[in-house]
C-alpha atoms as a PDB file:
ATOM      1  CA  MET A   1     -14.783   7.718  14.218  1.00  0.00           C
ATOM      2  CA  THR A   2     -16.840   8.989  11.303  1.00  0.00           C
ATOM      3  CA  PRO A   3     -16.715   6.416   8.496  1.00  0.00           C
ATOM      4  CA  GLN A   4     -14.525   7.452   5.587  1.00  0.00           C
ATOM      5  CA  GLU A   5     -15.733   6.669   2.079  1.00  0.00           C
ATOM      6  CA  GLY A   6     -14.170   6.239  -1.307  1.00  0.00           C
ATOM      7  CA  GLY A   7     -14.770   4.629  -4.647  1.00  0.00           C
ATOM      8  CA  CYS A   8     -13.907   4.229  -8.276  1.00  0.00           C
ATOM      9  CA  LEU A   9     -13.713   6.855 -11.015  1.00  0.00           C
ATOM     10  CA  CYS A  10     -17.180   6.173 -12.455  1.00  0.00           C
ATOM     11  CA  GLY A  11     -18.947   5.887  -9.079  1.00  0.00           C
ATOM     12  CA  ALA A  12     -20.222   2.335  -9.568  1.00  0.00           C
ATOM     13  CA  LEU A  13     -18.141   1.098  -6.602  1.00  0.00           C
ATOM     14  CA  ARG A  14     -18.382   2.848  -3.241  1.00  0.00           C
ATOM     15  CA  TYR A  15     -16.781   1.637  -0.012  1.00  0.00           C
ATOM     16  CA  ALA A  16     -16.499   2.781   3.590  1.00  0.00           C
ATOM     17  CA  VAL A  17     -14.007   2.150   6.387  1.00  0.00           C
ATOM     18  CA  ARG A  18     -15.074   2.325  10.022  1.00  0.00           C
ATOM     19  CA  ALA A  19     -11.668   2.648  11.708  1.00  0.00           C
ATOM     20  CA  GLU A  20      -8.321   4.361  11.432  1.00  0.00           C
ATOM     21  CA  PRO A  21      -5.751   2.347   9.476  1.00  0.00           C
ATOM     22  CA  SER A  22      -3.647   0.052  11.655  1.00  0.00           C
ATOM     23  CA  HIS A  23      -0.638   1.353   9.720  1.00  0.00           C
ATOM     24  CA  VAL A  24       0.304   2.807   6.347  1.00  0.00           C
ATOM     25  CA  THR A  25       2.619   1.054   3.910  1.00  0.00           C
ATOM     26  CA  LEU A  26       4.582   2.980   1.304  1.00  0.00           C
ATOM     27  CA  CYS A  27       5.452   0.191  -1.130  1.00  0.00           C
ATOM     28  CA  HIS A  28       8.055   0.583  -3.869  1.00  0.00           C
ATOM     29  CA  CYS A  29       7.766  -2.942  -5.382  1.00  0.00           C
ATOM     30  CA  HIS A  30       7.361  -3.334  -9.147  1.00  0.00           C
ATOM     31  CA  PHE A  31       3.739  -4.476  -8.750  1.00  0.00           C
ATOM     32  CA  CYS A  32       2.793  -1.305  -6.863  1.00  0.00           C
ATOM     33  CA  GLN A  33       4.661   0.864  -9.365  1.00  0.00           C
ATOM     34  CA  ARG A  34       2.701  -0.706 -12.224  1.00  0.00           C
ATOM     35  CA  ALA A  35      -0.589  -0.697 -10.338  1.00  0.00           C
ATOM     36  CA  THR A  36      -0.374   3.013  -9.510  1.00  0.00           C
ATOM     37  CA  GLY A  37       1.641   4.343 -12.428  1.00  0.00           C
ATOM     38  CA  GLY A  38       3.876   6.090  -9.892  1.00  0.00           C
ATOM     39  CA  THR A  39       7.037   5.561  -7.887  1.00  0.00           C
ATOM     40  CA  HIS A  40       5.204   3.781  -5.063  1.00  0.00           C
ATOM     41  CA  MET A  41       1.827   2.978  -3.575  1.00  0.00           C
ATOM     42  CA  VAL A  42       0.427   4.667  -0.473  1.00  0.00           C
ATOM     43  CA  GLU A  43      -1.533   1.861   1.166  1.00  0.00           C
ATOM     44  CA  PRO A  44      -3.439   2.343   4.414  1.00  0.00           C
ATOM     45  CA  ILE A  45      -4.029  -1.073   6.005  1.00  0.00           C
ATOM     46  CA  PHE A  46      -7.330  -2.034   7.661  1.00  0.00           C
ATOM     47  CA  ASP A  47      -8.829  -5.076   9.328  1.00  0.00           C
ATOM     48  CA  LYS A  48     -11.221  -6.705   6.859  1.00  0.00           C
ATOM     49  CA  ALA A  49     -14.049  -6.290   9.365  1.00  0.00           C
ATOM     50  CA  ASP A  50     -13.669  -2.483   9.190  1.00  0.00           C
ATOM     51  CA  PHE A  51     -14.046  -2.293   5.385  1.00  0.00           C
ATOM     52  CA  GLY A  52     -17.172  -2.797   3.295  1.00  0.00           C
ATOM     53  CA  PHE A  53     -18.859  -1.840   0.047  1.00  0.00           C
ATOM     54  CA  VAL A  54     -21.857   0.477   0.182  1.00  0.00           C
ATOM     55  CA  ALA A  55     -22.519   0.332  -3.583  1.00  0.00           C
ATOM     56  CA  GLY A  56     -21.523  -2.149  -6.265  1.00  0.00           C
ATOM     57  CA  GLU A  57     -19.433  -5.294  -6.154  1.00  0.00           C
ATOM     58  CA  PRO A  58     -15.823  -5.353  -7.338  1.00  0.00           C
ATOM     59  CA  ARG A  59     -14.305  -7.760  -9.812  1.00  0.00           C
ATOM     60  CA  LEU A  60     -11.317  -9.773  -8.676  1.00  0.00           C
ATOM     61  CA  TRP A  61      -8.007 -10.515 -10.350  1.00  0.00           C
ATOM     62  CA  THR A  62      -5.377 -12.611  -8.585  1.00  0.00           C
ATOM     63  CA  THR A  63      -1.640 -12.468  -9.171  1.00  0.00           C
ATOM     64  CA  ARG A  64       1.439 -13.669  -7.286  1.00  0.00           C
ATOM     65  CA  SER A  65       3.594 -11.469  -5.080  1.00  0.00           C
ATOM     66  CA  GLU A  66       7.127 -10.998  -6.372  1.00  0.00           C
ATOM     67  CA  GLY A  67       8.279 -11.067  -2.740  1.00  0.00           C
ATOM     68  CA  SER A  68       6.477 -14.052  -1.194  1.00  0.00           C
ATOM     69  CA  GLY A  69       5.118 -15.910  -4.216  1.00  0.00           C
ATOM     70  CA  LEU A  70       1.706 -15.954  -2.509  1.00  0.00           C
ATOM     71  CA  ALA A  71      -1.567 -14.674  -3.959  1.00  0.00           C
ATOM     72  CA  VAL A  72      -2.415 -10.974  -4.054  1.00  0.00           C
ATOM     73  CA  HIS A  73      -6.096 -10.290  -4.796  1.00  0.00           C
ATOM     74  CA  VAL A  74      -6.729  -7.077  -6.741  1.00  0.00           C
ATOM     75  CA  HIS A  75     -10.294  -5.720  -6.411  1.00  0.00           C
ATOM     76  CA  PHE A  76     -11.428  -3.353  -9.166  1.00  0.00           C
ATOM     77  CA  CYS A  77     -14.436  -1.784 -10.878  1.00  0.00           C
ATOM     78  CA  ASP A  78     -15.736  -3.798 -13.825  1.00  0.00           C
ATOM     79  CA  THR A  79     -16.920  -0.606 -15.542  1.00  0.00           C
ATOM     80  CA  CYS A  80     -14.003   1.847 -15.284  1.00  0.00           C
ATOM     81  CA  GLY A  81     -11.159  -0.424 -14.128  1.00  0.00           C
ATOM     82  CA  THR A  82     -10.247   1.535 -10.991  1.00  0.00           C
ATOM     83  CA  LYS A  83      -8.452  -0.636  -8.417  1.00  0.00           C
ATOM     84  CA  THR A  84      -9.883  -0.020  -4.936  1.00  0.00           C
ATOM     85  CA  HIS A  85      -8.085  -2.442  -2.633  1.00  0.00           C
ATOM     86  CA  LEU A  86      -5.897  -5.512  -2.240  1.00  0.00           C
ATOM     87  CA  GLY A  87      -6.308  -8.736  -0.282  1.00  0.00           C
ATOM     88  CA  PHE A  88      -3.381 -10.952   0.643  1.00  0.00           C
ATOM     89  CA  GLU A  89      -3.029 -14.718   1.002  1.00  0.00           C
ATOM     90  CA  ARG A  90      -0.102 -14.060   3.339  1.00  0.00           C
ATOM     91  CA  PHE A  91      -2.144 -11.712   5.573  1.00  0.00           C
ATOM     92  CA  PRO A  92      -5.752 -12.945   5.246  1.00  0.00           C
ATOM     93  CA  ASP A  93      -7.313 -10.696   7.921  1.00  0.00           C
ATOM     94  CA  ILE A  94      -6.292  -7.349   6.425  1.00  0.00           C
ATOM     95  CA  ILE A  95      -6.833  -5.326   3.271  1.00  0.00           C
ATOM     96  CA  GLY A  96      -4.780  -2.550   1.732  1.00  0.00           C
ATOM     97  CA  VAL A  97      -6.690   0.340   0.176  1.00  0.00           C
ATOM     98  CA  TYR A  98      -5.409   2.387  -2.758  1.00  0.00           C
ATOM     99  CA  ALA A  99      -5.177   5.688  -0.855  1.00  0.00           C
ATOM    100  CA  GLY A 100      -6.064   7.810  -3.873  1.00  0.00           C
ATOM    101  CA  THR A 101      -9.509   6.200  -4.070  1.00  0.00           C
ATOM    102  CA  PHE A 102     -10.675   7.815  -0.805  1.00  0.00           C
ATOM    103  CA  ASP A 103     -12.961  10.829  -1.251  1.00  0.00           C
ATOM    104  CA  ASP A 104     -10.496  12.607   1.035  1.00  0.00           C
ATOM    105  CA  PRO A 105      -7.123  10.888   0.581  1.00  0.00           C
ATOM    106  CA  ASN A 106      -5.644  13.126   3.284  1.00  0.00           C
ATOM    107  CA  TRP A 107      -7.882  11.969   6.152  1.00  0.00           C
ATOM    108  CA  PHE A 108      -5.227   9.650   7.634  1.00  0.00           C
ATOM    109  CA  ASP A 109      -1.653  10.414   8.656  1.00  0.00           C
ATOM    110  CA  VAL A 110       1.579   8.805   7.500  1.00  0.00           C
ATOM    111  CA  ARG A 111       3.354   8.761  10.875  1.00  0.00           C
ATOM    112  CA  PRO A 112       6.761   7.300  11.754  1.00  0.00           C
ATOM    113  CA  ASP A 113       5.245   5.175  14.541  1.00  0.00           C
ATOM    114  CA  ALA A 114       2.602   3.608  12.259  1.00  0.00           C
ATOM    115  CA  SER A 115       4.147   3.533   8.784  1.00  0.00           C
ATOM    116  CA  LYS A 116       6.850   1.740   6.840  1.00  0.00           C
ATOM    117  CA  GLN A 117       8.591   2.035   3.471  1.00  0.00           C
ATOM    118  CA  ILE A 118       9.146  -1.351   1.824  1.00  0.00           C
ATOM    119  CA  PHE A 119      10.826  -2.860  -1.245  1.00  0.00           C
ATOM    120  CA  LEU A 120      13.290  -0.009  -1.502  1.00  0.00           C
ATOM    121  CA  ASN A 121      15.522  -2.415  -3.429  1.00  0.00           C
ATOM    122  CA  ALA A 122      13.069  -1.838  -6.329  1.00  0.00           C
ATOM    123  CA  ALA A 123      12.608   1.925  -5.842  1.00  0.00           C
ATOM    124  CA  GLN A 124      12.570   3.953  -9.044  1.00  0.00           C
ATOM    125  CA  GLN A 125      15.144   6.598  -9.768  1.00  0.00           C
ATOM    126  CA  ASN A 126      13.892   9.925  -8.358  1.00  0.00           C
ATOM    127  CA  ALA A 127      11.606   8.273  -5.781  1.00  0.00           C
ATOM    128  CA  VAL A 128      11.675  10.201  -2.513  1.00  0.00           C
ATOM    129  CA  ILE A 129      12.418   8.252   0.668  1.00  0.00           C
ATOM    130  CA  LEU A 130      10.791   9.999   3.627  1.00  0.00           C
ATOM    131  CA  PRO A 131      12.760  10.722   6.807  1.00  0.00           C
ATOM    132  CA  GLY A 132      11.812   9.155  10.117  1.00  0.00           C
ATOM    133  CA  ILE A 133       9.795   6.285   8.629  1.00  0.00           C
ATOM    134  CA  PRO A 134      11.382   2.814   8.876  1.00  0.00           C
ATOM    135  CA  CYS A 135      12.839   1.616   5.551  1.00  0.00           C
ATOM    136  CA  PHE A 136      13.130  -1.996   4.428  1.00  0.00           C
ATOM    137  CA  GLU A 137      15.028  -3.248   1.393  1.00  0.00           C
ATOM    138  CA  ALA A 138      12.348  -5.918   0.824  1.00  0.00           C
ATOM    139  CA  HIS A 139       9.257  -6.762   2.877  1.00  0.00           C
ATOM    140  CA  MET A 140       9.249  -5.856   6.562  1.00  0.00           C
ATOM    141  CA  SER A 141       8.546  -9.461   7.586  1.00  0.00           C
ATOM    142  CA  ARG A 142      10.338 -12.587   6.489  1.00  0.00           C
ATOM    143  CA  MET A 143       8.233 -15.618   5.581  1.00  0.00           C
ATOM    144  CA  ASP A 144       8.912 -17.103   9.047  1.00  0.00           C
ATOM    145  CA  GLY A 145       7.393 -13.977  10.645  1.00  0.00           C
ATOM    146  CA  SER A 146      10.651 -12.496  11.896  1.00  0.00           C
ATOM    147  CA  GLU A 147      11.412  -8.897  10.991  1.00  0.00           C
ATOM    148  CA  ASN A 148      13.987  -7.863   8.419  1.00  0.00           C
ATOM    149  CA  PRO A 149      16.458  -5.185   9.533  1.00  0.00           C
ATOM    150  CA  SER A 150      15.202  -1.653   9.037  1.00  0.00           C
ATOM    151  CA  HIS A 151      17.063   1.488   8.150  1.00  0.00           C
ATOM    152  CA  GLY A 152      16.075   5.092   8.411  1.00  0.00           C
ATOM    153  CA  VAL A 153      17.017   8.374   6.872  1.00  0.00           C
ATOM    154  CA  GLY A 154      17.306  11.676   8.706  1.00  0.00           C
ATOM    155  CA  ALA A 155      16.388  13.825   5.718  1.00  0.00           C
ATOM    156  CA  PRO A 156      14.509  13.136   2.480  1.00  0.00           C
ATOM    157  CA  VAL A 157      16.556  11.017   0.072  1.00  0.00           C
ATOM    158  CA  ILE A 158      16.053  11.034  -3.684  1.00  0.00           C
ATOM    159  CA  VAL A 159      16.915   7.648  -5.161  1.00  0.00           C
ATOM    160  CA  GLY A 160      19.691   7.886  -7.742  1.00  0.00           C
ATOM    161  CA  LYS A 161      20.601   5.753 -10.725  1.00  0.00           C
ATOM    162  CA  ALA A 162      22.386   3.301  -8.421  1.00  0.00           C
ATOM    163  CA  HIS A 163      19.097   2.746  -6.503  1.00  0.00           C
ATOM    164  CA  TRP A 164      18.515   3.186  -2.809  1.00  0.00           C
ATOM    165  CA  SER A 165      20.944   1.930  -0.215  1.00  0.00           C
ATOM    166  CA  PRO A 166      20.905   2.376   3.555  1.00  0.00           C
ATOM    167  CA  GLU A 167      24.200   4.269   3.280  1.00  0.00           C
ATOM    168  CA  ALA A 168      22.721   6.912   0.915  1.00  0.00           C
END
């Protein structure tokens, strides 16, 4: 695979990934809404070993996940403030990249067999839930490692004022 590169707005931080994402998370939690300024975050997930900086060093800010209570490490440019990726205390061997920071944010696919939509219980009104991709009201995995039940939709669903529900 040809390495894919990305970086911050000012160009001080540049990174490269050397593999396809293991999966893509579409996260609707409040943190991701605030972090992106949108209805959800598109987050391709990579093994840490497949990600590295080719220019600059990011700053780090740590917060707590609303879901697990464990640390989420936000990596960002000290000059322009662009967030490039996340690290997770709960999942220490992976990183989640802010998809919009890739030079070509369309280089990877959001496929039903390798994607998930999570924290739909926090989805904003007018968020679009994609068909065919497993949907979870909270995180996909419980703290004990077992999987929460998933739901799916057969056609795009626009979240209403009453929020998303599997019956929508």
